[in-house]
Amino acid sequence: MKEVIAVIFVILFCVFSWKIASAESISNQIMKECVQKYAPNWNKAAACHSDYRVGQSKYKNEKIKKLLAEKPWYRGKNWKWEDKAEYTCVKQYDTGMTICHKPIYIN
């Protein structure tokens, strides 16, 4: 039984490592292209790669803005991410869990 669990753990570790490595390999490939394009000038190569990373960050921010436009209750009070907007939370002392839910409006 322990061997089966160990094999499953190793397989999951390899899959997650492969996903992380493939995401980084795209960035590395862009860096290689920038270095080849601006071979003697390292500052321009670094600026080229920085432009790529800034573009990626802007894309992710646009996705988050779109999500917040569709689901504004994720914003929270005063734009603090840890606060949940309009949620009621109840702490269960026997389990130690905090259960939060949106208010129920009756028309």
C-alpha atoms as a PDB file:
ATOM      1  CA  MET A   1       0.000   0.000   0.000  1.00  0.00           C
ATOM      2  CA  LYS A   2       2.832   2.396   0.869  1.00  0.00           C
ATOM      3  CA  GLU A   3       4.482   1.694  -2.475  1.00  0.00           C
ATOM      4  CA  VAL A   4       1.279   2.568  -4.338  1.00  0.00           C
ATOM      5  CA  ILE A   5       0.954   5.857  -2.461  1.00  0.00           C
ATOM      6  CA  ALA A   6       4.617   6.641  -3.137  1.00  0.00           C
ATOM      7  CA  VAL A   7       4.204   5.930  -6.864  1.00  0.00           C
ATOM      8  CA  ILE A   8       1.082   8.122  -7.054  1.00  0.00           C
ATOM      9  CA  PHE A   9       2.918  10.924  -5.223  1.00  0.00           C
ATOM     10  CA  VAL A  10       5.873  10.713  -7.622  1.00  0.00           C
ATOM     11  CA  ILE A  11       3.553  10.789 -10.651  1.00  0.00           C
ATOM     12  CA  LEU A  12       1.681  13.834  -9.326  1.00  0.00           C
ATOM     13  CA  PHE A  13       4.967  15.575  -8.527  1.00  0.00           C
ATOM     14  CA  CYS A  14       6.208  14.960 -12.076  1.00  0.00           C
ATOM     15  CA  VAL A  15       2.987  16.269 -13.622  1.00  0.00           C
ATOM     16  CA  PHE A  16       3.026  19.474 -11.557  1.00  0.00           C
ATOM     17  CA  SER A  17       6.743  19.994 -12.211  1.00  0.00           C
ATOM     18  CA  TRP A  18       6.144  19.574 -15.938  1.00  0.00           C
ATOM     19  CA  LYS A  19       3.371  22.196 -15.883  1.00  0.00           C
ATOM     20  CA  ILE A  20       5.560  24.706 -14.055  1.00  0.00           C
ATOM     21  CA  ALA A  21       8.518  24.016 -16.345  1.00  0.00           C
ATOM     22  CA  SER A  22       6.423  24.426 -19.502  1.00  0.00           C
ATOM     23  CA  ALA A  23       5.120  27.801 -18.305  1.00  0.00           C
ATOM     24  CA  GLU A  24       8.672  28.969 -17.627  1.00  0.00           C
ATOM     25  CA  SER A  25       9.941  27.611 -20.934  1.00  0.00           C
ATOM     26  CA  ILE A  26       7.736  30.102 -22.826  1.00  0.00           C
ATOM     27  CA  SER A  27       9.367  32.964 -20.958  1.00  0.00           C
ATOM     28  CA  ASN A  28      12.797  31.446 -21.576  1.00  0.00           C
ATOM     29  CA  GLN A  29      12.043  31.102 -25.282  1.00  0.00           C
ATOM     30  CA  ILE A  30      11.057  34.781 -25.468  1.00  0.00           C
ATOM     31  CA  MET A  31      14.289  35.685 -23.695  1.00  0.00           C
ATOM     32  CA  LYS A  32      16.323  33.647 -26.192  1.00  0.00           C
ATOM     33  CA  GLU A  33      14.603  35.415 -29.090  1.00  0.00           C
ATOM     34  CA  CYS A  34      15.282  38.813 -27.519  1.00  0.00           C
ATOM     35  CA  VAL A  35      18.961  37.953 -26.955  1.00  0.00           C
ATOM     36  CA  GLN A  36      19.313  36.768 -30.558  1.00  0.00           C
ATOM     37  CA  LYS A  37      17.642  39.915 -31.864  1.00  0.00           C
ATOM     38  CA  TYR A  38      19.734  42.339 -29.756  1.00  0.00           C
ATOM     39  CA  ALA A  39      22.886  40.196 -29.395  1.00  0.00           C
ATOM     40  CA  PRO A  40      25.566  42.712 -28.415  1.00  0.00           C
ATOM     41  CA  ASN A  41      23.238  45.090 -26.533  1.00  0.00           C
ATOM     42  CA  TRP A  42      22.103  43.355 -23.328  1.00  0.00           C
ATOM     43  CA  ASN A  43      20.075  46.341 -22.144  1.00  0.00           C
ATOM     44  CA  LYS A  44      17.818  46.183 -25.211  1.00  0.00           C
ATOM     45  CA  ALA A  45      17.466  42.406 -24.813  1.00  0.00           C
ATOM     46  CA  ALA A  46      16.444  42.867 -21.178  1.00  0.00           C
ATOM     47  CA  ALA A  47      13.981  45.625 -22.162  1.00  0.00           C
ATOM     48  CA  CYS A  48      12.513  43.343 -24.834  1.00  0.00           C
ATOM     49  CA  HIS A  49      11.911  40.567 -22.303  1.00  0.00           C
ATOM     50  CA  SER A  50      10.601  43.062 -19.767  1.00  0.00           C
ATOM     51  CA  ASP A  51       8.054  44.273 -22.326  1.00  0.00           C
ATOM     52  CA  TYR A  52       6.872  40.678 -22.716  1.00  0.00           C
ATOM     53  CA  ARG A  53       6.510  40.238 -18.941  1.00  0.00           C
ATOM     54  CA  VAL A  54       4.678  43.568 -18.587  1.00  0.00           C
ATOM     55  CA  GLY A  55       2.315  42.508 -21.377  1.00  0.00           C
ATOM     56  CA  GLN A  56       1.621  39.235 -19.581  1.00  0.00           C
ATOM     57  CA  SER A  57       0.894  41.096 -16.337  1.00  0.00           C
ATOM     58  CA  LYS A  58      -1.463  43.507 -18.121  1.00  0.00           C
ATOM     59  CA  TYR A  59      -3.290  40.558 -19.697  1.00  0.00           C
ATOM     60  CA  LYS A  60      -3.760  38.894 -16.305  1.00  0.00           C
ATOM     61  CA  ASN A  61      -4.950  42.183 -14.787  1.00  0.00           C
ATOM     62  CA  GLU A  62      -7.516  42.594 -17.569  1.00  0.00           C
ATOM     63  CA  LYS A  63      -8.817  39.097 -16.848  1.00  0.00           C
ATOM     64  CA  ILE A  64      -9.170  39.977 -13.161  1.00  0.00           C
ATOM     65  CA  LYS A  65     -10.940  43.251 -14.004  1.00  0.00           C
ATOM     66  CA  LYS A  66     -13.370  41.356 -16.237  1.00  0.00           C
ATOM     67  CA  LEU A  67     -14.044  38.835 -13.464  1.00  0.00           C
ATOM     68  CA  LEU A  68     -14.696  41.654 -10.979  1.00  0.00           C
ATOM     69  CA  ALA A  69     -17.041  43.346 -13.428  1.00  0.00           C
ATOM     70  CA  GLU A  70     -19.031  40.124 -13.754  1.00  0.00           C
ATOM     71  CA  LYS A  71     -18.879  39.181 -10.047  1.00  0.00           C
ATOM     72  CA  PRO A  72     -18.543  42.360  -7.974  1.00  0.00           C
ATOM     73  CA  TRP A  73     -19.027  40.565  -4.649  1.00  0.00           C
ATOM     74  CA  TYR A  74     -15.404  39.373  -4.878  1.00  0.00           C
ATOM     75  CA  ARG A  75     -14.160  42.954  -4.406  1.00  0.00           C
ATOM     76  CA  GLY A  76     -14.783  43.346  -0.711  1.00  0.00           C
ATOM     77  CA  LYS A  77     -15.022  46.512   1.331  1.00  0.00           C
ATOM     78  CA  ASN A  78     -12.542  49.247   0.395  1.00  0.00           C
ATOM     79  CA  TRP A  79     -10.977  46.910  -2.183  1.00  0.00           C
ATOM     80  CA  LYS A  80      -9.442  44.698   0.480  1.00  0.00           C
ATOM     81  CA  TRP A  81      -9.258  41.202  -0.957  1.00  0.00           C
ATOM     82  CA  GLU A  82      -9.455  39.461   2.387  1.00  0.00           C
ATOM     83  CA  ASP A  83     -12.874  41.001   3.183  1.00  0.00           C
ATOM     84  CA  LYS A  84     -15.937  39.489   1.584  1.00  0.00           C
ATOM     85  CA  ALA A  85     -18.539  41.980   0.361  1.00  0.00           C
ATOM     86  CA  GLU A  86     -22.051  41.586   1.761  1.00  0.00           C
ATOM     87  CA  TYR A  87     -21.305  38.183   3.219  1.00  0.00           C
ATOM     88  CA  THR A  88     -22.505  36.939   6.589  1.00  0.00           C
ATOM     89  CA  CYS A  89     -20.012  34.726   8.389  1.00  0.00           C
ATOM     90  CA  VAL A  90     -20.714  32.356  11.262  1.00  0.00           C
ATOM     91  CA  LYS A  91     -17.968  30.611  13.234  1.00  0.00           C
ATOM     92  CA  GLN A  92     -18.702  27.013  14.180  1.00  0.00           C
ATOM     93  CA  TYR A  93     -16.910  26.415  17.444  1.00  0.00           C
ATOM     94  CA  ASP A  94     -17.224  22.634  17.414  1.00  0.00           C
ATOM     95  CA  THR A  95     -15.369  22.285  14.078  1.00  0.00           C
ATOM     96  CA  GLY A  96     -13.422  25.564  14.124  1.00  0.00           C
ATOM     97  CA  MET A  97     -14.633  26.437  10.629  1.00  0.00           C
ATOM     98  CA  THR A  98     -16.041  29.780   9.521  1.00  0.00           C
ATOM     99  CA  ILE A  99     -18.971  29.516   7.112  1.00  0.00           C
ATOM    100  CA  CYS A 100     -19.762  32.573   4.978  1.00  0.00           C
ATOM    101  CA  HIS A 101     -22.748  33.040   2.669  1.00  0.00           C
ATOM    102  CA  LYS A 102     -24.335  35.762   0.602  1.00  0.00           C
ATOM    103  CA  PRO A 103     -27.457  37.381   2.001  1.00  0.00           C
ATOM    104  CA  ILE A 104     -30.822  36.036   0.888  1.00  0.00           C
ATOM    105  CA  TYR A 105     -33.155  38.724  -0.357  1.00  0.00           C
ATOM    106  CA  ILE A 106     -36.873  38.052  -0.333  1.00  0.00           C
ATOM    107  CA  ASN A 107     -38.842  40.240  -2.751  1.00  0.00           C
END
